[in-house]
Amino acid sequence: MSRRSRTKKLPTVEASAREPQLSAYQRAMRDRLLAAPVVAAPEPWRSVAFAAVGGLLGIGFATHPESGHDLVMVVSHDGHGLFDAVTGEKIARDRDPDSDGSTPDEAADLSCPGLGPVEGSRVHIAGLFGGGLHTGTRDGWELEVVTPAWPNDRVLLSRDGGLPHAGPHGEGWWHILHADYSTFRAAGFSPSGRTIAVATSSDLSLWSRQSTSTP
């Protein structure tokens, strides 16, 4: 048998269909998003923290058992941290967590052991390995993550359906964070609806509308 007869003929691979072009509406929407600068979140939101966290993998919410403050747990390659979302203060740190459960992918529910005031509980983590956070509140605030210029994500805050499909920027919707320097991990509201957390691979940003006084 000749070498030619032993050679298996490979099936012909057809070229994939060309990606359809954007409609006029889609182009206008993309241009609107690209033109919107980063602005401060509107009242009653206030920025409480911008913390550098190298190798950040994900974040999750918990509640302080005494003050009732929202807490944000951060999981990174350098360990675990816990932030008070009202004051922005880091209140607990574990640089060397137990290897069993130190990252959320080791648990079926993407959780990690709590630390500090929530030690003994488990915190669900959203980020690199999956999971998610609340994208809306009961009183009409919403978050949306858009990518009009991949791979840079933009985080948009809106009120009562004011996402960028209608209305001017700065009135019904606000571009509050642009992840143009590191990789987006997660964004969302706390279950109470009083905290916004946005995480990238290099930092954590927090906004709050909670009182600093204890309930």
N, C-alpha and C. Protein backbone atom coordinates (compact mmCIF):
# COMPACT_ATOMS: atom_id res chain seq x y z
N MET A 1 0.85 -1.19 0.00
CA MET A 1 0.00 0.00 0.00
C MET A 1 0.89 1.24 0.00
N SER A 2 0.58 2.16 -0.88
CA SER A 2 1.39 3.36 -0.99
C SER A 2 1.12 4.30 0.18
N ARG A 3 2.11 5.19 0.41
CA ARG A 3 1.96 6.18 1.47
C ARG A 3 0.75 7.06 1.23
N ARG A 4 0.49 7.38 -0.06
CA ARG A 4 -0.64 8.24 -0.38
C ARG A 4 -1.94 7.58 0.01
N SER A 5 -2.08 6.27 -0.24
CA SER A 5 -3.33 5.58 0.07
C SER A 5 -3.54 5.44 1.56
N ARG A 6 -2.44 5.46 2.37
CA ARG A 6 -2.59 5.33 3.81
C ARG A 6 -2.90 6.67 4.48
N THR A 7 -2.75 7.76 3.77
CA THR A 7 -2.99 9.07 4.36
C THR A 7 -4.47 9.35 4.45
N LYS A 8 -4.94 9.67 5.68
CA LYS A 8 -6.35 9.95 5.91
C LYS A 8 -6.69 11.35 5.43
N LYS A 9 -7.72 11.44 4.64
CA LYS A 9 -8.13 12.73 4.13
C LYS A 9 -8.91 13.49 5.19
N LEU A 10 -8.46 14.68 5.52
CA LEU A 10 -9.12 15.47 6.54
C LEU A 10 -10.35 16.17 5.96
N PRO A 11 -11.39 16.30 6.76
CA PRO A 11 -12.60 16.97 6.25
C PRO A 11 -12.32 18.45 6.00
N THR A 12 -13.01 18.98 5.02
CA THR A 12 -12.86 20.39 4.69
C THR A 12 -13.50 21.25 5.78
N VAL A 13 -12.76 22.24 6.25
CA VAL A 13 -13.27 23.15 7.28
C VAL A 13 -13.79 24.40 6.60
N GLU A 14 -15.07 24.64 6.78
CA GLU A 14 -15.67 25.81 6.18
C GLU A 14 -15.41 27.05 7.03
N ALA A 15 -15.25 28.16 6.38
CA ALA A 15 -15.04 29.41 7.09
C ALA A 15 -16.29 29.78 7.89
N SER A 16 -16.08 30.28 9.10
CA SER A 16 -17.22 30.65 9.94
C SER A 16 -17.90 31.89 9.37
N ALA A 17 -19.17 32.02 9.68
CA ALA A 17 -19.93 33.18 9.20
C ALA A 17 -19.34 34.45 9.77
N ARG A 18 -19.35 35.49 8.99
CA ARG A 18 -18.80 36.77 9.43
C ARG A 18 -19.68 37.38 10.51
N GLU A 19 -19.04 37.93 11.53
CA GLU A 19 -19.79 38.57 12.61
C GLU A 19 -20.62 39.72 12.04
N PRO A 20 -21.92 39.75 12.37
CA PRO A 20 -22.76 40.82 11.83
C PRO A 20 -22.32 42.17 12.36
N GLN A 21 -22.43 43.19 11.55
CA GLN A 21 -22.05 44.53 11.96
C GLN A 21 -23.07 45.08 12.94
N LEU A 22 -22.60 46.02 13.77
CA LEU A 22 -23.48 46.64 14.74
C LEU A 22 -24.53 47.49 14.04
N SER A 23 -25.70 47.51 14.62
CA SER A 23 -26.75 48.38 14.10
C SER A 23 -26.45 49.82 14.49
N ALA A 24 -27.17 50.75 13.92
CA ALA A 24 -26.98 52.15 14.26
C ALA A 24 -27.24 52.39 15.74
N TYR A 25 -28.25 51.72 16.28
CA TYR A 25 -28.56 51.84 17.72
C TYR A 25 -27.41 51.32 18.57
N GLN A 26 -26.87 50.16 18.19
CA GLN A 26 -25.76 49.57 18.95
C GLN A 26 -24.51 50.44 18.90
N ARG A 27 -24.23 51.01 17.74
CA ARG A 27 -23.07 51.90 17.62
C ARG A 27 -23.25 53.15 18.48
N ALA A 28 -24.45 53.69 18.48
CA ALA A 28 -24.72 54.88 19.30
C ALA A 28 -24.59 54.56 20.78
N MET A 29 -25.05 53.37 21.19
CA MET A 29 -24.94 52.96 22.58
C MET A 29 -23.47 52.79 22.97
N ARG A 30 -22.70 52.13 22.13
CA ARG A 30 -21.28 51.94 22.42
C ARG A 30 -20.57 53.29 22.52
N ASP A 31 -20.85 54.20 21.60
CA ASP A 31 -20.21 55.51 21.62
C ASP A 31 -20.59 56.27 22.89
N ARG A 32 -21.85 56.13 23.34
CA ARG A 32 -22.27 56.80 24.56
C ARG A 32 -21.51 56.27 25.77
N LEU A 33 -21.33 54.96 25.83
CA LEU A 33 -20.60 54.36 26.95
C LEU A 33 -19.13 54.75 26.93
N LEU A 34 -18.53 54.76 25.75
CA LEU A 34 -17.12 55.12 25.64
C LEU A 34 -16.88 56.57 26.01
N ALA A 35 -17.85 57.43 25.77
CA ALA A 35 -17.68 58.86 26.03
C ALA A 35 -17.94 59.24 27.48
N ALA A 36 -18.58 58.36 28.25
CA ALA A 36 -18.95 58.71 29.62
C ALA A 36 -17.73 58.63 30.54
N PRO A 37 -17.33 59.73 31.18
CA PRO A 37 -16.18 59.69 32.09
C PRO A 37 -16.56 59.05 33.42
N VAL A 38 -15.56 58.65 34.18
CA VAL A 38 -15.80 58.15 35.54
C VAL A 38 -16.19 59.33 36.42
N VAL A 39 -17.27 59.16 37.18
CA VAL A 39 -17.76 60.22 38.06
C VAL A 39 -18.01 59.63 39.44
N ALA A 40 -18.16 60.52 40.42
CA ALA A 40 -18.49 60.08 41.77
C ALA A 40 -19.91 59.52 41.81
N ALA A 41 -20.12 58.52 42.63
CA ALA A 41 -21.47 58.00 42.81
C ALA A 41 -22.34 59.09 43.44
N PRO A 42 -23.62 59.16 43.08
CA PRO A 42 -24.49 60.22 43.59
C PRO A 42 -24.90 59.98 45.04
N GLU A 43 -25.45 61.02 45.65
CA GLU A 43 -26.04 60.87 46.98
C GLU A 43 -27.17 59.83 46.92
N PRO A 44 -27.31 59.01 47.95
CA PRO A 44 -26.64 59.07 49.25
C PRO A 44 -25.35 58.26 49.35
N TRP A 45 -24.84 57.80 48.20
CA TRP A 45 -23.64 56.96 48.22
C TRP A 45 -22.40 57.80 48.51
N ARG A 46 -21.48 57.24 49.27
CA ARG A 46 -20.20 57.89 49.54
C ARG A 46 -19.10 56.85 49.40
N SER A 47 -17.99 57.26 48.83
CA SER A 47 -16.85 56.36 48.69
C SER A 47 -16.19 56.20 50.05
N VAL A 48 -15.99 54.95 50.48
CA VAL A 48 -15.40 54.72 51.80
C VAL A 48 -14.05 54.01 51.74
N ALA A 49 -13.72 53.40 50.61
CA ALA A 49 -12.43 52.69 50.56
C ALA A 49 -12.02 52.45 49.12
N PHE A 50 -10.72 52.54 48.91
CA PHE A 50 -10.07 52.06 47.69
C PHE A 50 -8.78 51.41 48.18
N ALA A 51 -8.78 50.07 48.24
CA ALA A 51 -7.69 49.34 48.86
C ALA A 51 -6.96 48.49 47.83
N ALA A 52 -5.64 48.61 47.81
CA ALA A 52 -4.84 47.77 46.93
C ALA A 52 -4.78 46.36 47.50
N VAL A 53 -5.13 45.38 46.67
CA VAL A 53 -5.10 43.97 47.07
C VAL A 53 -4.50 43.18 45.92
N GLY A 54 -3.22 42.93 45.98
CA GLY A 54 -2.55 42.20 44.91
C GLY A 54 -3.05 40.77 44.78
N GLY A 55 -3.28 40.33 43.57
CA GLY A 55 -3.70 38.96 43.33
C GLY A 55 -5.09 38.66 43.85
N LEU A 56 -5.97 39.66 43.83
CA LEU A 56 -7.33 39.46 44.34
C LEU A 56 -8.07 38.43 43.50
N LEU A 57 -8.72 37.48 44.18
CA LEU A 57 -9.45 36.41 43.50
C LEU A 57 -10.96 36.62 43.55
N GLY A 58 -11.46 37.15 44.67
CA GLY A 58 -12.90 37.32 44.80
C GLY A 58 -13.27 37.99 46.09
N ILE A 59 -14.56 38.35 46.19
CA ILE A 59 -15.08 39.03 47.37
C ILE A 59 -16.43 38.45 47.74
N GLY A 60 -16.82 38.68 49.01
CA GLY A 60 -18.13 38.25 49.48
C GLY A 60 -18.58 39.12 50.64
N PHE A 61 -19.87 39.08 50.94
CA PHE A 61 -20.44 39.92 51.99
C PHE A 61 -20.79 39.10 53.22
N ALA A 62 -20.69 39.78 54.36
CA ALA A 62 -21.14 39.22 55.64
C ALA A 62 -21.68 40.39 56.46
N THR A 63 -22.19 40.10 57.66
CA THR A 63 -22.73 41.13 58.54
C THR A 63 -22.06 41.04 59.90
N HIS A 64 -21.63 42.19 60.42
CA HIS A 64 -20.99 42.20 61.74
C HIS A 64 -22.03 41.82 62.79
N PRO A 65 -21.74 40.81 63.63
CA PRO A 65 -22.75 40.32 64.58
C PRO A 65 -23.11 41.33 65.67
N GLU A 66 -22.27 42.35 65.90
CA GLU A 66 -22.56 43.32 66.95
C GLU A 66 -23.06 44.65 66.39
N SER A 67 -22.33 45.24 65.45
CA SER A 67 -22.71 46.55 64.93
C SER A 67 -23.77 46.49 63.84
N GLY A 68 -23.90 45.32 63.19
CA GLY A 68 -24.82 45.20 62.06
C GLY A 68 -24.26 45.77 60.78
N HIS A 69 -23.00 46.26 60.79
CA HIS A 69 -22.39 46.81 59.59
C HIS A 69 -22.20 45.72 58.53
N ASP A 70 -22.34 46.12 57.26
CA ASP A 70 -21.92 45.23 56.18
C ASP A 70 -20.42 45.02 56.26
N LEU A 71 -19.99 43.79 56.01
CA LEU A 71 -18.57 43.45 55.94
C LEU A 71 -18.27 42.89 54.56
N VAL A 72 -17.07 43.13 54.08
CA VAL A 72 -16.64 42.59 52.79
C VAL A 72 -15.40 41.74 53.01
N MET A 73 -15.49 40.48 52.66
CA MET A 73 -14.35 39.57 52.76
C MET A 73 -13.65 39.52 51.42
N VAL A 74 -12.33 39.60 51.46
CA VAL A 74 -11.50 39.58 50.26
C VAL A 74 -10.61 38.35 50.29
N VAL A 75 -10.61 37.60 49.20
CA VAL A 75 -9.75 36.42 49.06
C VAL A 75 -8.73 36.72 47.98
N SER A 76 -7.45 36.55 48.31
CA SER A 76 -6.39 36.83 47.35
C SER A 76 -5.30 35.78 47.46
N HIS A 77 -4.32 35.90 46.58
CA HIS A 77 -3.17 34.98 46.65
C HIS A 77 -2.37 35.20 47.93
N ASP A 78 -2.55 36.35 48.57
CA ASP A 78 -1.81 36.66 49.79
C ASP A 78 -2.61 36.40 51.05
N GLY A 79 -3.76 35.74 50.94
CA GLY A 79 -4.54 35.41 52.12
C GLY A 79 -5.92 36.01 52.09
N HIS A 80 -6.53 36.15 53.28
CA HIS A 80 -7.88 36.64 53.41
C HIS A 80 -7.88 37.95 54.21
N GLY A 81 -8.82 38.83 53.88
CA GLY A 81 -8.98 40.07 54.62
C GLY A 81 -10.45 40.37 54.81
N LEU A 82 -10.76 41.19 55.82
CA LEU A 82 -12.15 41.55 56.10
C LEU A 82 -12.23 43.06 56.33
N PHE A 83 -13.12 43.72 55.57
CA PHE A 83 -13.28 45.17 55.65
C PHE A 83 -14.64 45.52 56.22
N ASP A 84 -14.65 46.56 57.06
CA ASP A 84 -15.90 47.17 57.51
C ASP A 84 -16.36 48.09 56.39
N ALA A 85 -17.53 47.82 55.81
CA ALA A 85 -17.97 48.58 54.64
C ALA A 85 -18.53 49.95 55.00
N VAL A 86 -18.70 50.25 56.26
CA VAL A 86 -19.16 51.57 56.67
C VAL A 86 -17.98 52.52 56.86
N THR A 87 -16.94 52.03 57.52
CA THR A 87 -15.76 52.87 57.78
C THR A 87 -14.66 52.69 56.76
N GLY A 88 -14.67 51.58 56.01
CA GLY A 88 -13.60 51.28 55.07
C GLY A 88 -12.38 50.66 55.72
N GLU A 89 -12.45 50.43 57.02
CA GLU A 89 -11.30 49.91 57.77
C GLU A 89 -11.16 48.40 57.57
N LYS A 90 -9.89 47.95 57.42
CA LYS A 90 -9.62 46.51 57.42
C LYS A 90 -9.60 46.05 58.87
N ILE A 91 -10.51 45.17 59.25
CA ILE A 91 -10.66 44.80 60.65
C ILE A 91 -10.11 43.41 60.96
N ALA A 92 -9.76 42.63 59.94
CA ALA A 92 -9.18 41.31 60.18
C ALA A 92 -8.33 40.93 58.98
N ARG A 93 -7.28 40.13 59.27
CA ARG A 93 -6.35 39.71 58.21
C ARG A 93 -5.81 38.34 58.55
N ASP A 94 -5.79 37.45 57.59
CA ASP A 94 -5.18 36.13 57.74
C ASP A 94 -4.27 35.90 56.54
N ARG A 95 -2.98 36.07 56.76
CA ARG A 95 -2.01 35.93 55.67
C ARG A 95 -1.73 34.47 55.32
N ASP A 96 -2.09 33.55 56.20
CA ASP A 96 -1.78 32.15 55.94
C ASP A 96 -2.97 31.28 56.34
N PRO A 97 -4.09 31.39 55.61
CA PRO A 97 -5.27 30.57 55.94
C PRO A 97 -4.99 29.10 55.69
N ASP A 98 -5.75 28.24 56.35
CA ASP A 98 -5.60 26.81 56.14
C ASP A 98 -5.75 26.50 54.66
N SER A 99 -4.88 25.62 54.18
CA SER A 99 -4.91 25.29 52.76
C SER A 99 -6.24 24.67 52.36
N ASP A 100 -6.90 24.00 53.29
CA ASP A 100 -8.20 23.40 53.02
C ASP A 100 -9.27 24.49 53.08
N GLY A 101 -9.71 24.95 51.92
CA GLY A 101 -10.73 25.98 51.86
C GLY A 101 -10.20 27.39 51.77
N SER A 102 -8.94 27.55 51.45
CA SER A 102 -8.37 28.89 51.37
C SER A 102 -8.82 29.64 50.13
N THR A 103 -9.28 28.92 49.11
CA THR A 103 -9.83 29.56 47.92
C THR A 103 -11.22 28.97 47.66
N PRO A 104 -12.13 29.76 47.10
CA PRO A 104 -13.52 29.30 46.99
C PRO A 104 -13.74 28.13 46.04
N ASP A 105 -12.84 27.90 45.11
CA ASP A 105 -13.04 26.80 44.18
C ASP A 105 -12.94 25.44 44.86
N GLU A 106 -12.49 25.41 46.11
CA GLU A 106 -12.38 24.15 46.83
C GLU A 106 -13.69 23.75 47.50
N ALA A 107 -14.69 24.62 47.44
CA ALA A 107 -15.99 24.33 48.04
C ALA A 107 -17.07 24.30 46.97
N ALA A 108 -18.02 23.41 47.12
CA ALA A 108 -19.09 23.28 46.12
C ALA A 108 -19.91 24.56 46.00
N ASP A 109 -20.04 25.31 47.10
CA ASP A 109 -20.84 26.54 47.06
C ASP A 109 -19.98 27.79 46.94
N LEU A 110 -18.71 27.63 46.55
CA LEU A 110 -17.79 28.76 46.36
C LEU A 110 -17.71 29.64 47.61
N SER A 111 -17.54 29.00 48.75
CA SER A 111 -17.44 29.74 50.01
C SER A 111 -16.07 29.51 50.65
N CYS A 112 -15.72 30.42 51.56
CA CYS A 112 -14.49 30.31 52.34
C CYS A 112 -14.81 30.52 53.81
N PRO A 113 -13.99 29.99 54.71
CA PRO A 113 -14.22 30.21 56.14
C PRO A 113 -14.10 31.69 56.48
N GLY A 114 -15.02 32.20 57.30
CA GLY A 114 -14.95 33.57 57.74
C GLY A 114 -13.80 33.80 58.70
N LEU A 115 -13.52 35.06 58.99
CA LEU A 115 -12.46 35.41 59.92
C LEU A 115 -12.89 36.61 60.75
N GLY A 116 -12.11 36.91 61.79
CA GLY A 116 -12.44 38.03 62.65
C GLY A 116 -13.80 37.83 63.30
N PRO A 117 -14.68 38.84 63.26
CA PRO A 117 -15.98 38.73 63.92
C PRO A 117 -16.93 37.72 63.29
N VAL A 118 -16.63 37.23 62.09
CA VAL A 118 -17.48 36.21 61.46
C VAL A 118 -16.78 34.86 61.38
N GLU A 119 -15.75 34.67 62.21
CA GLU A 119 -15.08 33.38 62.28
C GLU A 119 -16.07 32.31 62.72
N GLY A 120 -16.00 31.15 62.13
CA GLY A 120 -16.94 30.08 62.43
C GLY A 120 -18.09 30.00 61.44
N SER A 121 -18.21 31.01 60.58
CA SER A 121 -19.21 30.98 59.52
C SER A 121 -18.51 30.82 58.18
N ARG A 122 -19.27 30.71 57.12
CA ARG A 122 -18.70 30.64 55.78
C ARG A 122 -19.26 31.78 54.96
N VAL A 123 -18.43 32.32 54.08
CA VAL A 123 -18.79 33.47 53.27
C VAL A 123 -18.74 33.07 51.81
N HIS A 124 -19.82 33.28 51.08
CA HIS A 124 -19.84 32.99 49.65
C HIS A 124 -19.02 34.04 48.91
N ILE A 125 -18.15 33.58 48.02
CA ILE A 125 -17.20 34.44 47.32
C ILE A 125 -17.51 34.46 45.82
N ALA A 126 -17.56 35.66 45.25
CA ALA A 126 -17.76 35.81 43.81
C ALA A 126 -16.50 36.40 43.20
N GLY A 127 -16.13 35.91 42.03
CA GLY A 127 -14.93 36.44 41.39
C GLY A 127 -14.38 35.52 40.33
N LEU A 128 -13.10 35.26 40.42
CA LEU A 128 -12.40 34.50 39.39
C LEU A 128 -13.02 33.13 39.14
N PHE A 129 -13.50 32.48 40.20
CA PHE A 129 -13.99 31.11 40.06
C PHE A 129 -15.49 31.02 39.81
N GLY A 130 -16.15 32.17 39.68
CA GLY A 130 -17.59 32.16 39.43
C GLY A 130 -18.35 32.80 40.57
N GLY A 131 -19.63 32.50 40.64
CA GLY A 131 -20.47 33.09 41.67
C GLY A 131 -20.96 34.47 41.25
N GLY A 132 -21.78 35.09 42.10
CA GLY A 132 -22.31 36.39 41.76
C GLY A 132 -22.77 37.15 42.99
N LEU A 133 -22.98 38.45 42.83
CA LEU A 133 -23.46 39.33 43.87
C LEU A 133 -24.78 39.95 43.41
N HIS A 134 -25.49 40.59 44.33
CA HIS A 134 -26.75 41.25 43.99
C HIS A 134 -26.50 42.38 42.99
N THR A 135 -27.31 42.45 41.95
CA THR A 135 -27.17 43.51 40.95
C THR A 135 -28.20 44.61 41.13
N GLY A 136 -29.09 44.48 42.11
CA GLY A 136 -30.09 45.50 42.35
C GLY A 136 -30.48 45.56 43.81
N THR A 137 -31.14 46.65 44.19
CA THR A 137 -31.65 46.81 45.55
C THR A 137 -33.17 46.93 45.50
N ARG A 138 -33.81 46.77 46.64
CA ARG A 138 -35.26 46.82 46.69
C ARG A 138 -35.81 48.20 46.37
N ASP A 139 -34.99 49.23 46.58
CA ASP A 139 -35.48 50.59 46.32
C ASP A 139 -35.00 51.16 44.99
N GLY A 140 -34.59 50.29 44.06
CA GLY A 140 -34.42 50.72 42.68
C GLY A 140 -33.03 51.03 42.19
N TRP A 141 -32.00 50.85 43.00
CA TRP A 141 -30.63 51.03 42.51
C TRP A 141 -30.20 49.77 41.76
N GLU A 142 -29.42 49.95 40.68
CA GLU A 142 -28.94 48.81 39.89
C GLU A 142 -27.49 49.02 39.48
N LEU A 143 -26.80 47.89 39.32
CA LEU A 143 -25.43 47.90 38.79
C LEU A 143 -25.41 47.09 37.50
N GLU A 144 -24.62 47.58 36.55
CA GLU A 144 -24.42 46.84 35.31
C GLU A 144 -22.95 46.96 34.92
N VAL A 145 -22.38 45.85 34.48
CA VAL A 145 -20.99 45.83 34.01
C VAL A 145 -21.03 45.71 32.50
N VAL A 146 -20.42 46.65 31.80
CA VAL A 146 -20.43 46.67 30.34
C VAL A 146 -18.99 46.70 29.82
N THR A 147 -18.83 46.24 28.59
CA THR A 147 -17.49 46.18 27.99
C THR A 147 -17.56 46.69 26.56
N PRO A 148 -17.72 48.00 26.38
CA PRO A 148 -17.79 48.53 25.01
C PRO A 148 -16.46 48.50 24.28
N ALA A 149 -15.36 48.38 25.03
CA ALA A 149 -14.02 48.28 24.42
C ALA A 149 -13.27 47.17 25.16
N TRP A 150 -13.53 45.93 24.75
CA TRP A 150 -12.90 44.78 25.40
C TRP A 150 -11.38 44.92 25.37
N PRO A 151 -10.69 44.55 26.47
CA PRO A 151 -11.17 43.85 27.67
C PRO A 151 -11.44 44.76 28.86
N ASN A 152 -11.58 46.05 28.66
CA ASN A 152 -11.77 46.98 29.78
C ASN A 152 -13.23 47.08 30.18
N ASP A 153 -13.55 46.65 31.41
CA ASP A 153 -14.93 46.69 31.90
C ASP A 153 -15.24 48.03 32.55
N ARG A 154 -16.49 48.44 32.44
CA ARG A 154 -16.99 49.65 33.09
C ARG A 154 -18.15 49.27 34.00
N VAL A 155 -18.16 49.84 35.19
CA VAL A 155 -19.24 49.57 36.15
C VAL A 155 -20.17 50.78 36.17
N LEU A 156 -21.46 50.53 35.90
CA LEU A 156 -22.45 51.59 35.84
C LEU A 156 -23.45 51.44 36.98
N LEU A 157 -23.72 52.54 37.66
CA LEU A 157 -24.73 52.59 38.70
C LEU A 157 -25.92 53.38 38.17
N SER A 158 -27.13 52.89 38.42
CA SER A 158 -28.31 53.60 37.93
C SER A 158 -29.41 53.56 38.96
N ARG A 159 -30.42 54.39 38.73
CA ARG A 159 -31.56 54.46 39.64
C ARG A 159 -32.85 54.40 38.85
N ASP A 160 -33.76 53.52 39.27
CA ASP A 160 -35.09 53.43 38.69
C ASP A 160 -35.06 53.25 37.18
N GLY A 161 -34.25 52.30 36.72
CA GLY A 161 -34.22 51.98 35.29
C GLY A 161 -33.49 52.98 34.43
N GLY A 162 -32.61 53.78 35.04
CA GLY A 162 -31.91 54.81 34.28
C GLY A 162 -30.64 54.35 33.62
N LEU A 163 -30.54 53.06 33.28
CA LEU A 163 -29.36 52.55 32.60
C LEU A 163 -29.17 53.29 31.28
N PRO A 164 -28.00 53.19 30.65
CA PRO A 164 -27.65 54.09 29.55
C PRO A 164 -28.51 53.95 28.30
N HIS A 165 -29.58 53.18 28.38
CA HIS A 165 -30.46 53.08 27.23
C HIS A 165 -31.29 54.35 27.04
N ALA A 166 -31.34 55.19 28.08
CA ALA A 166 -32.11 56.43 27.98
C ALA A 166 -31.57 57.42 29.01
N GLY A 167 -31.62 58.69 28.68
CA GLY A 167 -31.24 59.73 29.63
C GLY A 167 -29.76 60.03 29.60
N PRO A 168 -29.37 61.25 29.98
CA PRO A 168 -27.98 61.67 29.96
C PRO A 168 -27.18 61.09 31.11
N HIS A 169 -25.90 60.87 30.86
CA HIS A 169 -24.99 60.41 31.89
C HIS A 169 -24.92 61.46 33.00
N GLY A 170 -24.95 60.97 34.26
CA GLY A 170 -24.88 61.88 35.40
C GLY A 170 -26.23 62.29 35.93
N GLU A 171 -27.32 61.84 35.28
CA GLU A 171 -28.66 62.15 35.78
C GLU A 171 -29.42 60.89 36.19
N GLY A 172 -29.44 59.90 35.33
CA GLY A 172 -30.11 58.64 35.68
C GLY A 172 -29.14 57.48 35.82
N TRP A 173 -27.94 57.66 35.30
CA TRP A 173 -26.92 56.61 35.41
C TRP A 173 -25.55 57.24 35.52
N TRP A 174 -24.64 56.51 36.18
CA TRP A 174 -23.31 57.04 36.49
C TRP A 174 -22.25 55.96 36.24
N HIS A 175 -21.19 56.33 35.54
CA HIS A 175 -20.04 55.44 35.31
C HIS A 175 -19.11 55.62 36.50
N ILE A 176 -19.10 54.65 37.44
CA ILE A 176 -18.39 54.85 38.71
C ILE A 176 -17.03 54.16 38.77
N LEU A 177 -16.74 53.24 37.85
CA LEU A 177 -15.42 52.60 37.87
C LEU A 177 -15.09 52.07 36.49
N HIS A 178 -13.84 52.27 36.07
CA HIS A 178 -13.34 51.79 34.78
C HIS A 178 -12.14 50.89 35.05
N ALA A 179 -12.28 49.61 34.79
CA ALA A 179 -11.21 48.65 35.03
C ALA A 179 -10.29 48.59 33.81
N ASP A 180 -9.52 49.66 33.62
CA ASP A 180 -8.64 49.72 32.45
C ASP A 180 -7.19 49.43 32.80
N TYR A 181 -6.94 49.03 34.05
CA TYR A 181 -5.57 48.79 34.50
C TYR A 181 -5.38 47.40 35.09
N SER A 182 -6.46 46.68 35.38
CA SER A 182 -6.39 45.32 35.90
C SER A 182 -7.68 44.59 35.53
N THR A 183 -7.75 43.32 35.85
CA THR A 183 -8.85 42.48 35.40
C THR A 183 -10.04 42.53 36.35
N PHE A 184 -11.21 42.77 35.80
CA PHE A 184 -12.43 42.81 36.60
C PHE A 184 -12.69 41.45 37.25
N ARG A 185 -13.12 41.48 38.52
CA ARG A 185 -13.45 40.25 39.24
C ARG A 185 -14.94 40.15 39.59
N ALA A 186 -15.49 41.18 40.25
CA ALA A 186 -16.89 41.11 40.68
C ALA A 186 -17.37 42.49 41.05
N ALA A 187 -18.70 42.67 40.97
CA ALA A 187 -19.32 43.93 41.39
C ALA A 187 -20.73 43.62 41.86
N GLY A 188 -21.16 44.28 42.94
CA GLY A 188 -22.52 44.06 43.39
C GLY A 188 -22.83 44.77 44.68
N PHE A 189 -24.10 44.68 45.06
CA PHE A 189 -24.59 45.24 46.30
C PHE A 189 -24.54 44.18 47.40
N SER A 190 -24.42 44.64 48.63
CA SER A 190 -24.59 43.74 49.77
C SER A 190 -26.06 43.32 49.84
N PRO A 191 -26.37 42.21 50.53
CA PRO A 191 -27.77 41.81 50.67
C PRO A 191 -28.65 42.89 51.29
N SER A 192 -28.08 43.73 52.15
CA SER A 192 -28.85 44.82 52.76
C SER A 192 -29.14 45.94 51.78
N GLY A 193 -28.38 46.00 50.67
CA GLY A 193 -28.52 47.08 49.70
C GLY A 193 -27.85 48.37 50.12
N ARG A 194 -27.04 48.33 51.17
CA ARG A 194 -26.42 49.55 51.69
C ARG A 194 -24.95 49.70 51.31
N THR A 195 -24.40 48.71 50.59
CA THR A 195 -22.99 48.75 50.20
C THR A 195 -22.84 48.34 48.74
N ILE A 196 -21.95 49.02 48.04
CA ILE A 196 -21.52 48.61 46.71
C ILE A 196 -20.06 48.20 46.82
N ALA A 197 -19.71 47.05 46.28
CA ALA A 197 -18.32 46.60 46.24
C ALA A 197 -17.95 46.25 44.81
N VAL A 198 -16.78 46.72 44.39
CA VAL A 198 -16.25 46.37 43.07
C VAL A 198 -14.83 45.87 43.27
N ALA A 199 -14.53 44.70 42.73
CA ALA A 199 -13.21 44.11 42.88
C ALA A 199 -12.57 43.89 41.52
N THR A 200 -11.29 44.21 41.42
CA THR A 200 -10.48 43.84 40.27
C THR A 200 -9.34 42.97 40.78
N SER A 201 -8.49 42.53 39.90
CA SER A 201 -7.37 41.68 40.31
C SER A 201 -6.35 42.41 41.15
N SER A 202 -6.50 43.74 41.28
CA SER A 202 -5.50 44.51 42.02
C SER A 202 -6.06 45.37 43.15
N ASP A 203 -7.40 45.50 43.24
CA ASP A 203 -7.91 46.41 44.28
C ASP A 203 -9.39 46.18 44.57
N LEU A 204 -9.83 46.77 45.68
CA LEU A 204 -11.22 46.72 46.13
C LEU A 204 -11.71 48.15 46.31
N SER A 205 -12.88 48.45 45.75
CA SER A 205 -13.51 49.76 45.91
C SER A 205 -14.85 49.58 46.61
N LEU A 206 -15.12 50.43 47.61
CA LEU A 206 -16.35 50.33 48.38
C LEU A 206 -17.07 51.67 48.43
N TRP A 207 -18.39 51.61 48.29
CA TRP A 207 -19.28 52.76 48.51
C TRP A 207 -20.34 52.34 49.52
N SER A 208 -20.76 53.28 50.35
CA SER A 208 -21.73 52.94 51.40
C SER A 208 -22.81 54.01 51.49
N ARG A 209 -23.97 53.62 51.92
CA ARG A 209 -25.01 54.58 52.31
C ARG A 209 -25.53 54.22 53.70
N GLN A 210 -24.63 53.67 54.52
CA GLN A 210 -24.94 53.32 55.89
C GLN A 210 -24.48 54.42 56.83
N SER A 211 -25.13 54.51 57.97
CA SER A 211 -24.69 55.42 59.01
C SER A 211 -23.53 54.81 59.76
N THR A 212 -22.60 55.64 60.22
CA THR A 212 -21.47 55.13 61.00
C THR A 212 -21.87 54.80 62.43
N SER A 213 -23.06 55.20 62.85
CA SER A 213 -23.53 54.88 64.21
C SER A 213 -24.08 53.48 64.24
N THR A 214 -24.02 52.86 65.39
CA THR A 214 -24.55 51.51 65.53
C THR A 214 -26.06 51.56 65.67
N PRO A 215 -26.78 50.55 65.20
CA PRO A 215 -28.24 50.57 65.28
C PRO A 215 -28.74 50.43 66.69
